[in-house]
Protein backbone atom coordinates (compact mmCIF):
# COMPACT_ATOMS: atom_id res chain seq x y z
CA UNK A 1 25.45 109.21 52.07
CA UNK A 2 29.14 108.24 52.17
CA UNK A 3 30.02 105.02 50.40
CA UNK A 4 31.62 102.32 52.57
CA UNK A 5 35.14 101.58 51.42
CA UNK A 6 35.75 97.84 51.11
CA UNK A 7 38.75 96.60 53.10
CA UNK A 8 40.41 93.27 53.74
CA UNK A 9 40.57 91.64 57.19
CA UNK A 10 43.25 89.94 59.25
CA UNK A 11 42.42 87.12 61.67
CA UNK A 12 44.87 85.45 64.06
CA UNK A 13 44.75 82.90 66.88
CA UNK A 14 46.70 83.40 70.08
CA UNK A 15 47.66 81.57 73.26
CA UNK A 16 46.81 78.02 74.22
CA UNK A 17 44.23 76.67 71.80
CA UNK A 18 40.86 75.49 73.09
CA UNK A 19 38.71 72.77 71.57
CA UNK A 20 36.44 75.44 70.09
CA UNK A 21 38.87 78.12 68.89
CA UNK A 22 38.43 76.97 65.29
CA UNK A 23 34.66 77.30 65.67
CA UNK A 24 35.27 80.98 66.41
CA UNK A 25 37.45 81.17 63.30
CA UNK A 26 34.61 79.63 61.33
CA UNK A 27 32.25 82.27 62.66
CA UNK A 28 34.56 85.11 61.64
CA UNK A 29 35.16 83.75 58.13
CA UNK A 30 31.54 82.85 57.40
CA UNK A 31 30.26 86.19 58.66
CA UNK A 32 32.84 88.09 56.63
CA UNK A 33 31.67 86.29 53.48
CA UNK A 34 28.13 87.47 54.18
CA UNK A 35 29.30 91.08 54.03
CA UNK A 36 31.28 91.16 50.81
CA UNK A 37 30.35 94.79 50.19
CA UNK A 38 32.39 95.80 53.26
CA UNK A 39 34.96 93.04 53.74
CA UNK A 40 37.10 91.69 50.93
CA UNK A 41 39.58 88.92 51.60
CA UNK A 42 40.22 87.56 55.09
CA UNK A 43 43.86 86.79 55.72
CA UNK A 44 44.78 84.48 58.60
CA UNK A 45 48.10 84.96 60.32
CA UNK A 46 50.33 81.90 60.30
CA UNK A 47 51.10 81.22 63.97
CA UNK A 48 49.13 84.14 65.32
CA UNK A 49 50.45 87.70 65.44
CA UNK A 50 53.83 86.36 64.31
CA UNK A 51 52.21 85.93 60.90
CA UNK A 52 51.65 89.68 60.73
CA UNK A 53 55.19 90.51 61.85
CA UNK A 54 56.75 88.13 59.30
CA UNK A 55 54.09 88.77 56.63
CA UNK A 56 53.11 85.11 56.49
CA UNK A 57 49.44 85.43 55.61
CA UNK A 58 47.01 82.69 54.63
CA UNK A 59 44.45 83.75 52.03
CA UNK A 60 41.25 82.16 53.29
CA UNK A 61 39.36 83.20 50.13
CA UNK A 62 40.92 80.09 48.60
CA UNK A 63 39.08 77.91 51.13
CA UNK A 64 35.76 76.43 50.08
CA UNK A 65 32.59 76.94 52.13
CA UNK A 66 32.77 73.28 53.09
CA UNK A 67 36.33 73.63 54.35
CA UNK A 68 35.41 76.65 56.46
CA UNK A 69 32.37 74.87 57.91
CA UNK A 70 34.61 71.93 58.86
CA UNK A 71 36.55 74.25 61.19
CA UNK A 72 33.73 73.87 63.70
CA UNK A 73 34.93 70.32 64.40
CA UNK A 74 38.65 70.76 63.78
CA UNK A 75 40.89 70.35 66.86
CA UNK A 76 43.95 72.45 67.76
CA UNK A 77 44.67 75.75 66.01
CA UNK A 78 43.87 75.56 62.29
CA UNK A 79 46.15 78.47 61.39
CA UNK A 80 48.71 78.02 64.14
CA UNK A 81 48.81 79.92 67.40
CA UNK A 82 51.57 81.50 69.48
CA UNK A 83 52.58 82.78 72.87
CA UNK A 84 54.30 85.94 71.76
CA UNK A 85 54.47 88.92 74.09
CA UNK A 86 54.22 92.29 72.40
CA UNK A 87 55.71 94.78 74.83
CA UNK A 88 54.38 98.29 75.38
CA UNK A 89 54.47 100.87 72.60
CA UNK A 90 57.14 102.94 74.33
CA UNK A 91 59.45 99.91 74.73
CA UNK A 92 59.17 98.39 71.24
CA UNK A 93 57.23 100.71 68.96
CA UNK A 94 58.87 99.16 65.89
CA UNK A 95 56.91 95.89 66.26
CA UNK A 96 53.58 97.69 66.23
CA UNK A 97 54.64 99.87 63.30
CA UNK A 98 55.63 96.69 61.44
CA UNK A 99 52.11 95.31 61.94
CA UNK A 100 50.56 98.49 60.57
CA UNK A 101 53.03 98.40 57.66
CA UNK A 102 51.93 94.86 56.72
CA UNK A 103 48.26 95.81 57.10
CA UNK A 104 48.76 98.76 54.76
CA UNK A 105 50.51 96.56 52.20
CA UNK A 106 47.54 94.18 52.11
CA UNK A 107 44.82 96.81 52.42
CA UNK A 108 43.67 95.46 55.77
CA UNK A 109 41.09 97.54 57.60
CA UNK A 110 39.84 94.94 60.09
CA UNK A 111 41.86 93.12 62.73
CA UNK A 112 40.30 90.12 64.55
CA UNK A 113 42.47 88.72 67.35
CA UNK A 114 41.22 85.46 68.85
CA UNK A 115 42.63 84.95 72.33
CA UNK A 116 42.58 85.63 76.07
CA UNK A 117 43.41 88.64 78.20
CA UNK A 118 46.88 89.35 76.82
CA UNK A 119 45.56 88.99 73.26
CA UNK A 120 42.78 91.49 73.90
CA UNK A 121 45.40 93.87 75.27
CA UNK A 122 47.42 93.47 72.07
CA UNK A 123 44.38 94.29 69.94
CA UNK A 124 43.83 97.41 72.04
CA UNK A 125 47.46 98.55 71.66
CA UNK A 126 47.33 98.07 67.89
CA UNK A 127 44.13 100.13 67.76
CA UNK A 128 45.82 102.97 69.67
CA UNK A 129 48.78 103.05 67.30
CA UNK A 130 46.57 102.93 64.22
CA UNK A 131 44.74 106.02 65.47
CA UNK A 132 48.01 107.77 66.24
CA UNK A 133 49.36 106.97 62.75
CA UNK A 134 46.12 108.01 61.08
CA UNK A 135 45.52 104.54 59.65
CA UNK A 136 41.84 103.53 59.86
CA UNK A 137 41.69 100.10 61.47
CA UNK A 138 38.81 98.38 63.26
CA UNK A 139 40.23 96.08 65.95
CA UNK A 140 38.02 93.35 67.38
CA UNK A 141 38.97 90.99 70.21
CA UNK A 142 37.45 87.53 69.70
CA UNK A 143 37.21 85.96 73.19
CA UNK A 144 38.92 82.63 73.84
CA UNK A 145 40.00 81.27 77.18
CA UNK A 146 39.17 78.25 79.29
CA UNK A 147 39.55 80.44 82.40
CA UNK A 148 36.25 82.24 81.62
CA UNK A 149 37.69 85.44 83.09
CA UNK A 150 37.47 87.94 80.23
CA UNK A 151 35.51 91.10 81.10
CA UNK A 152 32.15 91.64 79.37
CA UNK A 153 31.73 87.95 78.47
CA UNK A 154 28.94 85.89 79.99
CA UNK A 155 30.45 82.51 79.12
CA UNK A 156 33.74 82.63 77.25
CA UNK A 157 34.23 80.15 74.35
CA UNK A 158 36.51 77.41 75.63
CA UNK A 159 35.17 77.30 79.18
CA UNK A 160 32.25 74.97 78.49
CA UNK A 161 34.55 72.28 77.08
CA UNK A 162 36.93 72.29 80.03
CA UNK A 163 34.08 72.46 82.56
CA UNK A 164 32.62 69.27 81.11
CA UNK A 165 36.03 67.58 81.04
CA UNK A 166 36.79 68.45 84.68
CA UNK A 167 33.36 67.36 85.92
CA UNK A 168 33.44 64.02 84.07
CA UNK A 169 37.06 63.31 85.04
CA UNK A 170 36.38 64.02 88.71
CA UNK A 171 33.24 61.89 88.72
CA UNK A 172 35.19 58.95 87.31
CA UNK A 173 37.94 59.55 89.84
CA UNK A 174 35.37 59.56 92.63
CA UNK A 175 33.90 56.25 91.47
CA UNK A 176 37.33 54.64 91.32
CA UNK A 177 38.40 55.96 94.73
CA UNK A 178 35.08 54.99 96.31
CA UNK A 179 35.53 51.40 95.15
CA UNK A 180 39.00 51.15 96.75
CA UNK A 181 38.70 53.47 99.77
CA UNK A 182 38.08 50.73 102.31
CA UNK A 183 41.59 49.34 102.01
CA UNK A 184 43.51 51.73 99.76
CA UNK A 185 43.38 55.30 98.48
CA UNK A 186 41.18 57.67 100.44
CA UNK A 187 42.05 61.04 98.89
CA UNK A 188 42.16 62.07 95.24
CA UNK A 189 43.55 65.45 94.16
CA UNK A 190 43.12 67.15 90.80
CA UNK A 191 44.80 70.44 89.99
CA UNK A 192 43.11 72.66 87.42
CA UNK A 193 44.03 75.91 85.71
CA UNK A 194 42.90 79.29 87.00
CA UNK A 195 45.49 81.71 88.32
CA UNK A 196 43.05 84.32 89.58
CA UNK A 197 39.63 83.02 88.49
CA UNK A 198 38.07 79.89 89.93
CA UNK A 199 35.55 79.09 87.22
CA UNK A 200 37.28 75.84 86.23
CA UNK A 201 37.57 74.70 89.82
CA UNK A 202 33.90 75.55 90.31
CA UNK A 203 33.06 73.06 87.55
CA UNK A 204 33.93 70.34 90.07
CA UNK A 205 30.61 71.20 91.66
CA UNK A 206 28.90 69.60 88.66
CA UNK A 207 30.45 66.29 89.64
CA UNK A 208 29.44 66.77 93.27
CA UNK A 209 25.78 67.03 92.32
CA UNK A 210 23.08 68.02 94.81
CA UNK A 211 23.81 65.57 97.62
CA UNK A 212 23.63 67.11 101.10
CA UNK A 213 26.83 65.36 102.09
CA UNK A 214 29.49 65.39 99.42
CA UNK A 215 33.12 64.16 99.46
CA UNK A 216 34.23 67.16 97.36
CA UNK A 217 36.50 69.93 98.56
CA UNK A 218 37.08 72.78 96.09
CA UNK A 219 39.90 75.30 96.61
CA UNK A 220 39.43 78.63 94.83
CA UNK A 221 42.03 81.30 94.01
CA UNK A 222 39.58 84.00 95.13
CA UNK A 223 39.55 82.66 98.70
CA UNK A 224 42.68 82.75 100.88
CA UNK A 225 43.77 79.24 101.79
CA UNK A 226 43.25 78.25 105.44
CA UNK A 227 45.25 75.11 106.16
CA UNK A 228 43.51 74.26 109.45
CA UNK A 229 40.00 74.51 107.97
CA UNK A 230 41.06 72.58 104.88
CA UNK A 231 42.56 69.67 106.79
CA UNK A 232 39.54 69.53 109.09
CA UNK A 233 37.19 69.31 106.11
CA UNK A 234 39.26 66.58 104.42
CA UNK A 235 39.35 64.56 107.63
CA UNK A 236 35.57 64.91 108.06
CA UNK A 237 34.97 63.69 104.50
CA UNK A 238 37.09 60.58 104.97
CA UNK A 239 35.60 59.71 108.36
CA UNK A 240 32.00 60.32 107.31
CA UNK A 241 32.00 59.19 103.67
CA UNK A 242 35.09 57.02 103.43
CA UNK A 243 37.06 59.19 100.99
CA UNK A 244 37.65 62.75 99.80
CA UNK A 245 37.92 64.33 96.32
CA UNK A 246 39.88 67.58 96.12
CA UNK A 247 39.86 69.99 93.19
CA UNK A 248 42.44 72.74 93.60
CA UNK A 249 42.97 75.77 91.39
CA UNK A 250 46.59 76.47 90.44
CA UNK A 251 46.30 80.02 91.81
CA UNK A 252 45.41 79.15 95.40
CA UNK A 253 47.27 81.50 97.75
CA UNK A 254 47.67 82.21 101.45
CA UNK A 255 46.30 85.20 103.37
CA UNK A 256 49.30 87.28 102.29
CA UNK A 257 48.62 86.67 98.61
CA UNK A 258 51.55 84.28 98.09
CA UNK A 259 50.80 81.39 95.74
CA UNK A 260 51.17 78.02 97.41
CA UNK A 261 52.99 76.86 94.25
CA UNK A 262 55.04 80.02 93.61
CA UNK A 263 58.51 79.16 92.25
CA UNK A 264 59.78 82.72 92.47
CA UNK A 265 60.21 82.88 88.68
CA UNK A 266 58.33 84.84 85.99
CA UNK A 267 56.99 83.63 82.65
CA UNK A 268 57.26 85.40 79.28
CA UNK A 269 54.26 87.59 80.09
CA UNK A 270 55.56 88.68 83.49
CA UNK A 271 53.24 86.42 85.47
CA UNK A 272 54.47 84.42 88.47
CA UNK A 273 55.57 80.99 87.31
CA UNK A 274 53.78 78.30 89.29
CA UNK A 275 55.31 74.92 89.99
CA UNK A 276 52.20 72.87 90.65
CA UNK A 277 50.01 73.17 93.73
CA UNK A 278 48.72 69.56 93.79
CA UNK A 279 51.97 68.10 95.21
CA UNK A 280 51.93 70.82 97.88
CA UNK A 281 48.39 69.90 98.91
CA UNK A 282 49.21 66.17 98.73
CA UNK A 283 52.19 66.55 101.07
CA UNK A 284 50.09 68.59 103.46
CA UNK A 285 47.39 65.92 103.65
CA UNK A 286 49.87 63.04 103.91
CA UNK A 287 52.00 64.65 106.62
CA UNK A 288 49.10 65.87 108.77
CA UNK A 289 46.44 63.21 108.24
CA UNK A 290 48.39 60.22 106.93
CA UNK A 291 45.87 59.25 104.24
CA UNK A 292 46.86 57.47 101.02
CA UNK A 293 46.60 59.84 98.06
CA UNK A 294 46.33 59.49 94.31
CA UNK A 295 45.50 61.72 91.37
CA UNK A 296 47.42 64.95 90.84
CA UNK A 297 46.64 64.90 87.11
CA UNK A 298 43.32 64.83 85.23
CA UNK A 299 45.02 62.88 82.45
CA UNK A 300 44.96 59.81 84.71
CA UNK A 301 41.21 59.58 84.25
CA UNK A 302 39.99 59.65 80.67
CA UNK A 303 36.31 59.53 79.79
CA UNK A 304 35.20 55.91 79.87
CA UNK A 305 31.43 55.75 79.32
CA UNK A 306 31.47 51.96 79.15
CA UNK A 307 32.29 51.70 82.85
CA UNK A 308 30.67 54.89 84.12
CA UNK A 309 27.10 53.58 84.35
CA UNK A 310 27.82 50.31 86.24
CA UNK A 311 30.08 52.19 88.64
CA UNK A 312 27.34 54.74 89.34
CA UNK A 313 24.97 51.87 90.09
CA UNK A 314 27.57 50.24 92.37
CA UNK A 315 28.19 53.38 94.39
CA UNK A 316 24.43 53.93 94.77
CA UNK A 317 24.05 50.43 96.17
CA UNK A 318 26.98 50.89 98.55
CA UNK A 319 25.61 54.17 99.86
CA UNK A 320 22.17 52.65 100.29
CA UNK A 321 23.72 49.83 102.31
CA UNK A 322 25.10 52.38 104.77
CA UNK A 323 21.68 53.83 105.51
CA UNK A 324 20.23 52.80 108.93
């Protein structure tokens, strides 16, 4: 039976950090320490894949077990993240060869890349080059994205946190709007991330609850936007319930596939650069229905548990008062 050759590992974080990305790092480091016969040191890249390109590696073997465990509750990116686009092998082969060169120098046989779709693609490209160069390297994509749109994942780490945040923020917004709707704001709009996947927008349904009549309108990127149907629904909500709460995904598009918030520009990864769909929706509602609008940003409503319960009781009483 062939003896397993012990190799070091490289771990890096990529893209926008989630509130749980360090928990994933903790999982990688703790698991690696349980398999010391196969994995030696685990190096973390300083600022993601840039750490490999510049050979800025953090030796996590110097971290205590307590320090690694603390990563579960550590915000932001513990080792630094990046938004760095590695182009295709045929365009910039030198960058990929540099990564393999650094891995060879540090006897790295495992590559863990913690990120979203573009990060998983990078891990795949590195694996292809390692095979071509005859360098044995096991590449593992560690899923991380609030969009919850990575293939083969049931619930991607990062999504649960944002789903809770969106639901709680919208519920608080609803309670505030409901208390002022008689004489003031009647429509609240929150824009959430999700260029092609509407999982985050769907989280607004948690705030809506199971009521038969709900003031919530959710706009998904998977469904072509129909202005006439949308405005009709908003108008019905205001006339029947007194107000309307709108959650719109940034990737909402028309029947021709054009983003409502398309600026015509491209970002570093070649994606269409969006300019914000909430103001577009707000103008549409204001110009066609004339209702007062607020919101546009979830930051306006932070989690305030001290006022949430009495407001819930107040809105229950008000709704009960409307019953015949």
